N, C-alpha and C. Protein backbone atom coordinates (compact mmCIF):
# COMPACT_ATOMS: atom_id res chain seq x y z
N ASP A 1 28.26 145.35 97.18
CA ASP A 1 27.64 146.66 97.03
C ASP A 1 26.25 146.73 97.66
N LYS A 2 25.52 145.63 97.66
CA LYS A 2 24.17 145.62 98.26
C LYS A 2 24.22 145.92 99.75
N THR A 3 25.26 145.43 100.42
CA THR A 3 25.41 145.71 101.85
C THR A 3 25.66 147.19 102.08
N LEU A 4 26.52 147.81 101.26
CA LEU A 4 26.79 149.24 101.39
C LEU A 4 25.55 150.06 101.03
N GLN A 5 24.80 149.64 100.04
CA GLN A 5 23.57 150.34 99.67
C GLN A 5 22.58 150.32 100.83
N ALA A 6 22.43 149.16 101.45
CA ALA A 6 21.52 149.03 102.59
C ALA A 6 22.01 149.86 103.77
N GLU A 7 23.32 149.89 103.97
CA GLU A 7 23.89 150.67 105.07
C GLU A 7 23.62 152.16 104.85
N PHE A 8 23.80 152.65 103.61
CA PHE A 8 23.54 154.06 103.31
C PHE A 8 22.07 154.39 103.58
N LYS A 9 21.19 153.51 103.17
CA LYS A 9 19.75 153.72 103.39
C LYS A 9 19.45 153.76 104.88
N THR A 10 20.08 152.89 105.66
CA THR A 10 19.89 152.90 107.11
C THR A 10 20.34 154.23 107.70
N PHE A 11 21.50 154.72 107.26
CA PHE A 11 21.97 156.03 107.73
C PHE A 11 20.98 157.12 107.35
N GLY A 12 20.49 157.07 106.12
CA GLY A 12 19.61 158.13 105.61
C GLY A 12 18.22 158.13 106.19
N THR A 13 17.84 157.06 106.86
CA THR A 13 16.52 157.00 107.48
C THR A 13 16.59 157.04 109.01
N ALA A 14 17.80 157.08 109.56
CA ALA A 14 17.97 157.06 111.03
C ALA A 14 17.33 158.27 111.70
N VAL A 15 17.58 159.45 111.17
CA VAL A 15 17.05 160.68 111.78
C VAL A 15 15.52 160.70 111.73
N PRO A 16 14.90 160.52 110.55
CA PRO A 16 13.43 160.52 110.54
C PRO A 16 12.82 159.40 111.38
N ARG A 17 13.46 158.23 111.40
CA ARG A 17 12.95 157.12 112.21
C ARG A 17 12.91 157.50 113.69
N GLU A 18 13.97 158.16 114.17
CA GLU A 18 14.05 158.56 115.57
C GLU A 18 13.03 159.66 115.88
N ILE A 19 12.84 160.58 114.96
CA ILE A 19 11.84 161.63 115.17
C ILE A 19 10.44 161.04 115.25
N LEU A 20 10.13 160.08 114.37
CA LEU A 20 8.84 159.41 114.43
C LEU A 20 8.67 158.66 115.75
N ARG A 21 9.73 158.02 116.19
CA ARG A 21 9.68 157.28 117.45
C ARG A 21 9.36 158.21 118.62
N LYS A 22 9.83 159.46 118.52
CA LYS A 22 9.58 160.44 119.58
C LYS A 22 8.26 161.18 119.41
N GLY A 23 7.48 160.81 118.39
CA GLY A 23 6.16 161.38 118.22
C GLY A 23 6.03 162.45 117.16
N GLY A 24 7.11 162.80 116.49
CA GLY A 24 7.03 163.79 115.41
C GLY A 24 6.44 163.15 114.16
N GLY A 25 5.97 164.00 113.24
CA GLY A 25 5.40 163.45 112.02
C GLY A 25 5.67 164.26 110.78
N ALA A 26 5.75 165.57 110.94
CA ALA A 26 5.98 166.43 109.79
C ALA A 26 6.73 167.68 110.23
N PHE A 27 7.59 168.16 109.37
CA PHE A 27 8.32 169.40 109.60
C PHE A 27 8.27 170.20 108.31
N PHE A 28 7.69 171.39 108.41
CA PHE A 28 7.48 172.22 107.24
C PHE A 28 6.73 171.38 106.20
N ASP A 29 7.27 171.19 105.02
CA ASP A 29 6.55 170.39 104.02
C ASP A 29 7.05 168.95 103.95
N LEU A 30 7.88 168.53 104.90
CA LEU A 30 8.40 167.16 104.93
C LEU A 30 7.52 166.28 105.80
N ASN A 31 6.76 165.40 105.16
CA ASN A 31 5.97 164.40 105.87
C ASN A 31 6.85 163.17 106.02
N LEU A 32 7.16 162.79 107.24
CA LEU A 32 8.13 161.73 107.47
C LEU A 32 7.65 160.37 106.99
N GLN A 33 6.35 160.09 107.09
CA GLN A 33 5.83 158.82 106.56
C GLN A 33 6.03 158.76 105.05
N ARG A 34 5.75 159.86 104.38
CA ARG A 34 5.92 159.93 102.92
C ARG A 34 7.41 159.84 102.55
N TYR A 35 8.25 160.40 103.38
CA TYR A 35 9.70 160.35 103.15
C TYR A 35 10.16 158.90 102.99
N PHE A 36 9.70 158.01 103.88
CA PHE A 36 10.10 156.61 103.81
C PHE A 36 9.63 155.96 102.51
N GLU A 37 8.43 156.31 102.06
CA GLU A 37 7.93 155.78 100.78
C GLU A 37 8.80 156.27 99.63
N GLN A 38 9.19 157.54 99.67
CA GLN A 38 10.01 158.11 98.60
C GLN A 38 11.42 157.51 98.59
N VAL A 39 11.98 157.27 99.76
CA VAL A 39 13.33 156.71 99.87
C VAL A 39 13.42 155.37 99.13
N GLU A 40 12.35 154.60 99.18
CA GLU A 40 12.35 153.28 98.53
C GLU A 40 12.54 153.38 97.02
N LYS A 41 12.23 154.52 96.43
CA LYS A 41 12.32 154.70 94.99
C LYS A 41 13.67 155.23 94.52
N VAL A 42 14.54 155.57 95.46
CA VAL A 42 15.85 156.14 95.13
C VAL A 42 16.86 155.01 94.95
N GLN A 43 17.58 155.04 93.86
CA GLN A 43 18.62 154.03 93.60
C GLN A 43 19.95 154.52 94.16
N ILE A 44 20.56 153.70 95.02
CA ILE A 44 21.88 154.01 95.58
C ILE A 44 22.90 153.27 94.72
N ARG A 45 23.89 154.00 94.24
CA ARG A 45 24.94 153.40 93.43
C ARG A 45 26.29 153.62 94.11
N ILE A 46 27.03 152.54 94.29
CA ILE A 46 28.36 152.62 94.87
C ILE A 46 29.33 152.84 93.72
N VAL A 47 30.10 153.93 93.79
CA VAL A 47 30.98 154.32 92.68
C VAL A 47 32.41 154.51 93.18
N ASP A 48 33.35 154.51 92.26
CA ASP A 48 34.75 154.82 92.59
C ASP A 48 34.89 156.31 92.84
N SER A 49 35.90 156.69 93.59
CA SER A 49 36.12 158.11 93.88
C SER A 49 36.39 158.90 92.61
N SER A 50 36.89 158.26 91.56
CA SER A 50 37.15 158.95 90.29
C SER A 50 35.85 159.45 89.66
N HIS A 51 34.73 158.90 90.08
CA HIS A 51 33.41 159.32 89.58
C HIS A 51 33.16 160.81 89.84
N PHE A 52 33.74 161.32 90.91
CA PHE A 52 33.54 162.72 91.29
C PHE A 52 34.70 163.61 90.88
N GLN A 53 35.57 163.13 90.03
CA GLN A 53 36.72 163.91 89.59
C GLN A 53 36.25 165.21 88.94
N GLY A 54 36.81 166.33 89.39
CA GLY A 54 36.45 167.64 88.85
C GLY A 54 35.19 168.24 89.46
N VAL A 55 34.60 167.55 90.42
CA VAL A 55 33.38 168.04 91.07
C VAL A 55 33.77 168.89 92.27
N GLU A 56 33.14 170.04 92.42
CA GLU A 56 33.40 170.89 93.58
C GLU A 56 32.63 170.37 94.78
N GLY A 57 33.14 170.67 95.97
CA GLY A 57 32.45 170.29 97.20
C GLY A 57 32.82 168.89 97.65
N ARG A 58 32.00 168.35 98.52
CA ARG A 58 32.25 167.03 99.09
C ARG A 58 32.18 165.98 97.98
N THR A 59 33.09 165.06 98.00
CA THR A 59 33.17 164.09 96.90
C THR A 59 33.00 162.65 97.39
N THR A 60 32.13 162.44 98.36
CA THR A 60 31.85 161.08 98.79
C THR A 60 30.43 160.66 98.45
N ALA A 61 29.54 161.62 98.25
CA ALA A 61 28.15 161.29 97.89
C ALA A 61 27.56 162.48 97.13
N ARG A 62 26.71 162.16 96.18
CA ARG A 62 26.10 163.21 95.37
C ARG A 62 24.79 162.67 94.79
N TRP A 63 23.74 163.45 94.85
CA TRP A 63 22.46 163.02 94.29
C TRP A 63 22.25 163.62 92.91
N ARG A 64 21.39 162.95 92.13
CA ARG A 64 21.01 163.49 90.83
C ARG A 64 19.73 162.80 90.36
N THR A 65 19.05 163.46 89.44
CA THR A 65 17.85 162.92 88.84
C THR A 65 18.05 162.85 87.34
N VAL A 66 17.75 161.71 86.76
CA VAL A 66 17.81 161.53 85.31
C VAL A 66 16.42 161.07 84.87
N GLY A 67 15.72 161.96 84.18
CA GLY A 67 14.33 161.67 83.85
C GLY A 67 13.52 161.57 85.12
N THR A 68 12.90 160.43 85.33
CA THR A 68 12.12 160.24 86.56
C THR A 68 12.88 159.42 87.60
N GLN A 69 14.04 158.89 87.22
CA GLN A 69 14.83 158.08 88.16
C GLN A 69 15.71 158.96 89.04
N LYS A 70 15.69 158.68 90.32
CA LYS A 70 16.49 159.41 91.30
C LYS A 70 17.64 158.52 91.75
N TYR A 71 18.85 159.11 91.80
CA TYR A 71 20.05 158.38 92.17
C TYR A 71 20.80 159.11 93.27
N ILE A 72 21.47 158.34 94.10
CA ILE A 72 22.50 158.88 94.98
C ILE A 72 23.74 158.03 94.72
N ASP A 73 24.79 158.68 94.24
CA ASP A 73 26.07 158.01 94.01
C ASP A 73 26.92 158.19 95.26
N VAL A 74 27.47 157.10 95.77
CA VAL A 74 28.23 157.11 97.02
C VAL A 74 29.54 156.36 96.79
N THR A 75 30.63 156.93 97.26
CA THR A 75 31.92 156.23 97.16
C THR A 75 32.13 155.34 98.38
N ARG A 76 32.98 154.37 98.23
CA ARG A 76 33.33 153.52 99.37
C ARG A 76 34.01 154.34 100.47
N ASP A 77 34.69 155.41 100.08
CA ASP A 77 35.34 156.29 101.05
C ASP A 77 34.35 156.84 102.08
N PHE A 78 33.12 157.05 101.66
CA PHE A 78 32.09 157.58 102.55
C PHE A 78 31.96 156.71 103.79
N PHE A 79 31.99 155.40 103.60
CA PHE A 79 31.75 154.47 104.70
C PHE A 79 32.93 154.38 105.66
N ASP A 80 34.10 154.76 105.19
CA ASP A 80 35.31 154.69 106.01
C ASP A 80 35.71 156.02 106.63
N SER A 81 35.21 157.13 106.07
CA SER A 81 35.80 158.42 106.42
C SER A 81 35.03 159.24 107.44
N GLU A 82 33.86 158.83 107.82
CA GLU A 82 33.04 159.67 108.70
C GLU A 82 32.61 158.90 109.94
N ASN A 83 32.27 159.64 111.02
CA ASN A 83 31.71 159.00 112.20
C ASN A 83 30.22 158.74 111.97
N LEU A 84 29.59 158.00 112.85
CA LEU A 84 28.20 157.59 112.67
C LEU A 84 27.26 158.78 112.51
N GLU A 85 27.38 159.78 113.38
CA GLU A 85 26.47 160.92 113.31
C GLU A 85 26.62 161.67 111.99
N THR A 86 27.85 161.84 111.54
CA THR A 86 28.09 162.53 110.28
C THR A 86 27.52 161.73 109.12
N LYS A 87 27.67 160.42 109.15
CA LYS A 87 27.09 159.58 108.09
C LYS A 87 25.57 159.73 108.05
N GLN A 88 24.95 159.79 109.23
CA GLN A 88 23.49 159.94 109.27
C GLN A 88 23.07 161.28 108.69
N ILE A 89 23.76 162.35 109.07
CA ILE A 89 23.41 163.68 108.56
C ILE A 89 23.66 163.76 107.06
N LEU A 90 24.82 163.30 106.60
CA LEU A 90 25.14 163.40 105.17
C LEU A 90 24.20 162.55 104.32
N SER A 91 23.87 161.35 104.77
CA SER A 91 22.95 160.49 104.03
C SER A 91 21.56 161.12 103.98
N PHE A 92 21.08 161.60 105.12
CA PHE A 92 19.79 162.28 105.18
C PHE A 92 19.79 163.49 104.25
N HIS A 93 20.86 164.24 104.26
CA HIS A 93 21.01 165.42 103.38
C HIS A 93 20.88 165.02 101.91
N GLU A 94 21.54 163.95 101.50
CA GLU A 94 21.47 163.50 100.10
C GLU A 94 20.06 163.06 99.74
N TYR A 95 19.41 162.33 100.62
CA TYR A 95 18.03 161.92 100.35
C TYR A 95 17.11 163.14 100.24
N LEU A 96 17.27 164.10 101.15
CA LEU A 96 16.44 165.31 101.08
C LEU A 96 16.62 165.99 99.73
N GLY A 97 17.86 166.12 99.29
CA GLY A 97 18.13 166.78 98.01
C GLY A 97 17.49 166.08 96.83
N VAL A 98 17.67 164.78 96.74
CA VAL A 98 17.15 164.05 95.59
C VAL A 98 15.62 163.99 95.62
N LEU A 99 15.03 164.13 96.80
CA LEU A 99 13.58 164.12 96.92
C LEU A 99 12.97 165.51 96.77
N GLY A 100 13.82 166.51 96.52
CA GLY A 100 13.31 167.84 96.20
C GLY A 100 13.22 168.81 97.35
N TYR A 101 13.79 168.47 98.49
CA TYR A 101 13.78 169.38 99.63
C TYR A 101 15.06 170.20 99.65
N ASP A 102 14.93 171.49 99.89
CA ASP A 102 16.09 172.39 99.89
C ASP A 102 16.89 172.19 101.18
N ASP A 103 18.09 171.66 101.04
CA ASP A 103 18.97 171.47 102.19
C ASP A 103 20.40 171.82 101.78
N ASP A 104 20.54 172.82 100.91
CA ASP A 104 21.85 173.18 100.37
C ASP A 104 22.88 173.51 101.43
N GLU A 105 22.47 174.13 102.49
CA GLU A 105 23.41 174.51 103.55
C GLU A 105 23.34 173.57 104.75
N TYR A 106 22.72 172.42 104.58
CA TYR A 106 22.59 171.40 105.63
C TYR A 106 21.73 171.86 106.80
N TRP A 107 21.05 172.96 106.66
CA TRP A 107 20.24 173.50 107.76
C TRP A 107 19.17 172.51 108.19
N PHE A 108 18.43 172.00 107.22
CA PHE A 108 17.31 171.11 107.52
C PHE A 108 17.79 169.79 108.12
N SER A 109 18.76 169.15 107.49
CA SER A 109 19.24 167.86 107.97
C SER A 109 19.88 167.96 109.35
N VAL A 110 20.67 168.99 109.58
CA VAL A 110 21.31 169.15 110.87
C VAL A 110 20.30 169.50 111.96
N THR A 111 19.36 170.38 111.65
CA THR A 111 18.34 170.75 112.64
C THR A 111 17.53 169.54 113.07
N LEU A 112 17.09 168.74 112.11
CA LEU A 112 16.31 167.55 112.48
C LEU A 112 17.19 166.55 113.24
N TRP A 113 18.45 166.45 112.88
CA TRP A 113 19.35 165.56 113.62
C TRP A 113 19.45 166.00 115.08
N TYR A 114 19.55 167.32 115.31
CA TYR A 114 19.62 167.82 116.69
C TYR A 114 18.38 167.43 117.50
N LEU A 115 17.24 167.32 116.84
CA LEU A 115 16.01 166.96 117.54
C LEU A 115 16.00 165.50 118.00
N THR A 116 16.93 164.72 117.46
CA THR A 116 16.95 163.31 117.85
C THR A 116 17.81 163.14 119.09
């Protein structure tokens, strides 16, 4: 599970890393340097697909906050079912959500991905 957790984190930081490499630093209220600091505090949990039973929408990853702890639950299916670009967008989207950025329609994550 540690390998999958690290892989998800790599996907979720790929877009901001590339934007920083190209000289970007902030978009709207998202400071990319701060984003990396915040990502370190998010716990990635690898769960069975039954974890999302009865949940509407995509059922491979979902973020949530319990108290002050931030979680992203990811199924093993996530790693097998998507291409690289989609994994990067979806992971980035989940991190944005758990960190409090509005990306309900994937507008923010997809737009920043296009900039890379």
